[in-house]
C-alpha atoms as a PDB file:
ATOM      1  CA  MET A   1       7.697  24.511  -4.333  1.00  0.00           C
ATOM      2  CA  ASP A   2       8.019  24.788  -8.091  1.00  0.00           C
ATOM      3  CA  GLU A   3      10.117  22.770 -10.539  1.00  0.00           C
ATOM      4  CA  ALA A   4      12.850  25.387 -10.782  1.00  0.00           C
ATOM      5  CA  GLU A   5      13.274  25.454  -7.007  1.00  0.00           C
ATOM      6  CA  VAL A   6      13.457  21.662  -6.856  1.00  0.00           C
ATOM      7  CA  ARG A   7      16.084  21.592  -9.609  1.00  0.00           C
ATOM      8  CA  GLU A   8      18.133  24.279  -7.874  1.00  0.00           C
ATOM      9  CA  ARG A   9      18.007  22.508  -4.535  1.00  0.00           C
ATOM     10  CA  TRP A  10      18.961  19.245  -6.217  1.00  0.00           C
ATOM     11  CA  ARG A  11      21.971  20.909  -7.891  1.00  0.00           C
ATOM     12  CA  GLU A  12      23.061  22.218  -4.494  1.00  0.00           C
ATOM     13  CA  ILE A  13      22.654  18.782  -2.927  1.00  0.00           C
ATOM     14  CA  GLN A  14      24.688  17.125  -5.651  1.00  0.00           C
ATOM     15  CA  GLY A  15      27.309  19.853  -5.539  1.00  0.00           C
ATOM     16  CA  GLY A  16      27.788  19.362  -1.821  1.00  0.00           C
ATOM     17  CA  PHE A  17      28.288  15.618  -2.042  1.00  0.00           C
ATOM     18  CA  VAL A  18      32.082  15.672  -2.387  1.00  0.00           C
ATOM     19  CA  ASP A  19      32.578  17.742   0.764  1.00  0.00           C
ATOM     20  CA  GLY A  20      29.731  16.218   2.772  1.00  0.00           C
ATOM     21  CA  PRO A  21      28.251  13.005   1.353  1.00  0.00           C
ATOM     22  CA  GLY A  22      26.287  12.158   4.462  1.00  0.00           C
ATOM     23  CA  GLU A  23      24.775  15.620   4.678  1.00  0.00           C
ATOM     24  CA  SER A  24      23.916  15.514   0.963  1.00  0.00           C
ATOM     25  CA  VAL A  25      22.021  12.269   1.405  1.00  0.00           C
ATOM     26  CA  LEU A  26      20.125  13.706   4.377  1.00  0.00           C
ATOM     27  CA  GLU A  27      19.235  16.800   2.329  1.00  0.00           C
ATOM     28  CA  ALA A  28      18.122  14.597  -0.571  1.00  0.00           C
ATOM     29  CA  ASP A  29      15.878  12.660   1.788  1.00  0.00           C
ATOM     30  CA  SER A  30      14.428  15.899   3.129  1.00  0.00           C
ATOM     31  CA  LEU A  31      13.753  17.184  -0.381  1.00  0.00           C
ATOM     32  CA  ALA A  32      12.108  13.893  -1.330  1.00  0.00           C
ATOM     33  CA  ALA A  33       9.901  14.107   1.764  1.00  0.00           C
ATOM     34  CA  GLU A  34       8.839  17.675   0.935  1.00  0.00           C
ATOM     35  CA  ILE A  35       7.988  16.742  -2.654  1.00  0.00           C
ATOM     36  CA  THR A  36       6.082  13.647  -1.522  1.00  0.00           C
ATOM     37  CA  GLU A  37       4.086  15.630   1.037  1.00  0.00           C
ATOM     38  CA  ALA A  38       3.207  18.299  -1.528  1.00  0.00           C
ATOM     39  CA  LEU A  39       2.135  15.652  -4.032  1.00  0.00           C
ATOM     40  CA  VAL A  40      -0.049  13.807  -1.528  1.00  0.00           C
ATOM     41  CA  THR A  41      -1.651  17.090  -0.460  1.00  0.00           C
ATOM     42  CA  ALA A  42      -2.389  18.010  -4.086  1.00  0.00           C
ATOM     43  CA  LEU A  43      -3.863  14.566  -4.807  1.00  0.00           C
ATOM     44  CA  GLU A  44      -6.051  14.663  -1.704  1.00  0.00           C
ATOM     45  CA  GLN A  45      -7.253  18.144  -2.614  1.00  0.00           C
ATOM     46  CA  ARG A  46      -8.145  17.063  -6.152  1.00  0.00           C
ATOM     47  CA  ARG A  47     -10.026  14.031  -4.855  1.00  0.00           C
ATOM     48  CA  ALA A  48     -11.957  16.251  -2.434  1.00  0.00           C
ATOM     49  CA  GLU A  49     -12.877  18.541  -5.335  1.00  0.00           C
ATOM     50  CA  LEU A  50     -14.123  15.563  -7.339  1.00  0.00           C
ATOM     51  CA  ARG A  51     -16.173  14.296  -4.432  1.00  0.00           C
ATOM     52  CA  ALA A  52     -17.674  17.713  -3.727  1.00  0.00           C
ATOM     53  CA  ALA A  53     -19.114  17.789  -7.238  1.00  0.00           C
ATOM     54  CA  TRP A  54     -21.607  15.046  -6.401  1.00  0.00           C
ATOM     55  CA  ASP A  55     -21.449  14.067  -2.729  1.00  0.00           C
ATOM     56  CA  GLY A  56     -24.326  15.115  -0.524  1.00  0.00           C
ATOM     57  CA  ASP A  57     -26.665  15.648  -3.441  1.00  0.00           C
ATOM     58  CA  GLU A  58     -28.986  12.676  -3.257  1.00  0.00           C
ATOM     59  CA  ARG A  59     -30.797  14.096  -6.239  1.00  0.00           C
ATOM     60  CA  ALA A  60     -27.730  14.360  -8.489  1.00  0.00           C
ATOM     61  CA  ASP A  61     -28.947  13.808 -11.995  1.00  0.00           C
ATOM     62  CA  THR A  62     -27.432  11.333 -14.411  1.00  0.00           C
ATOM     63  CA  GLU A  63     -25.545  14.053 -16.278  1.00  0.00           C
ATOM     64  CA  THR A  64     -23.872  15.299 -13.090  1.00  0.00           C
ATOM     65  CA  LEU A  65     -22.875  11.751 -12.214  1.00  0.00           C
ATOM     66  CA  ARG A  66     -21.640  11.083 -15.764  1.00  0.00           C
ATOM     67  CA  LEU A  67     -19.414  14.149 -15.616  1.00  0.00           C
ATOM     68  CA  ALA A  68     -18.147  13.126 -12.182  1.00  0.00           C
ATOM     69  CA  LEU A  69     -17.307   9.656 -13.465  1.00  0.00           C
ATOM     70  CA  ARG A  70     -15.472  11.153 -16.444  1.00  0.00           C
ATOM     71  CA  GLU A  71     -13.386  13.321 -14.100  1.00  0.00           C
ATOM     72  CA  TYR A  72     -12.602  10.324 -11.893  1.00  0.00           C
ATOM     73  CA  ARG A  73     -11.520   8.382 -14.993  1.00  0.00           C
ATOM     74  CA  SER A  74      -9.094  11.145 -15.923  1.00  0.00           C
ATOM     75  CA  PHE A  75      -7.801  11.394 -12.346  1.00  0.00           C
ATOM     76  CA  ILE A  76      -7.255   7.636 -12.059  1.00  0.00           C
ATOM     77  CA  ARG A  77      -5.570   7.435 -15.442  1.00  0.00           C
ATOM     78  CA  ARG A  78      -3.123  10.139 -14.418  1.00  0.00           C
ATOM     79  CA  LEU A  79      -2.413   8.364 -11.147  1.00  0.00           C
ATOM     80  CA  ASN A  80      -1.784   5.198 -13.116  1.00  0.00           C
ATOM     81  CA  GLY A  81       0.543   6.983 -15.546  1.00  0.00           C
ATOM     82  CA  ASP A  82      -1.791   6.503 -18.516  1.00  0.00           C
ATOM     83  CA  GLU A  83      -2.419   9.087 -21.175  1.00  0.00           C
ATOM     84  CA  ASP A  84      -5.725  10.884 -20.882  1.00  0.00           C
END
């Protein structure tokens, strides 16, 4: 689901509030759940990618590990809302 689709669905939810406030709130909750699930899936996928870069390679050299640590730093900063 892209940003434009989310915005459109949100406009529809808000627009329907007057005629069906309860239904609008349920739809808002559903949209929030979909967005949350997509975000968690994307975060888990990114973490798996980071781990795959070094995990299982007992002979990973210092440069590989340095690059992995740099990527983790960027990932964690984004999760924390910090600038990269």
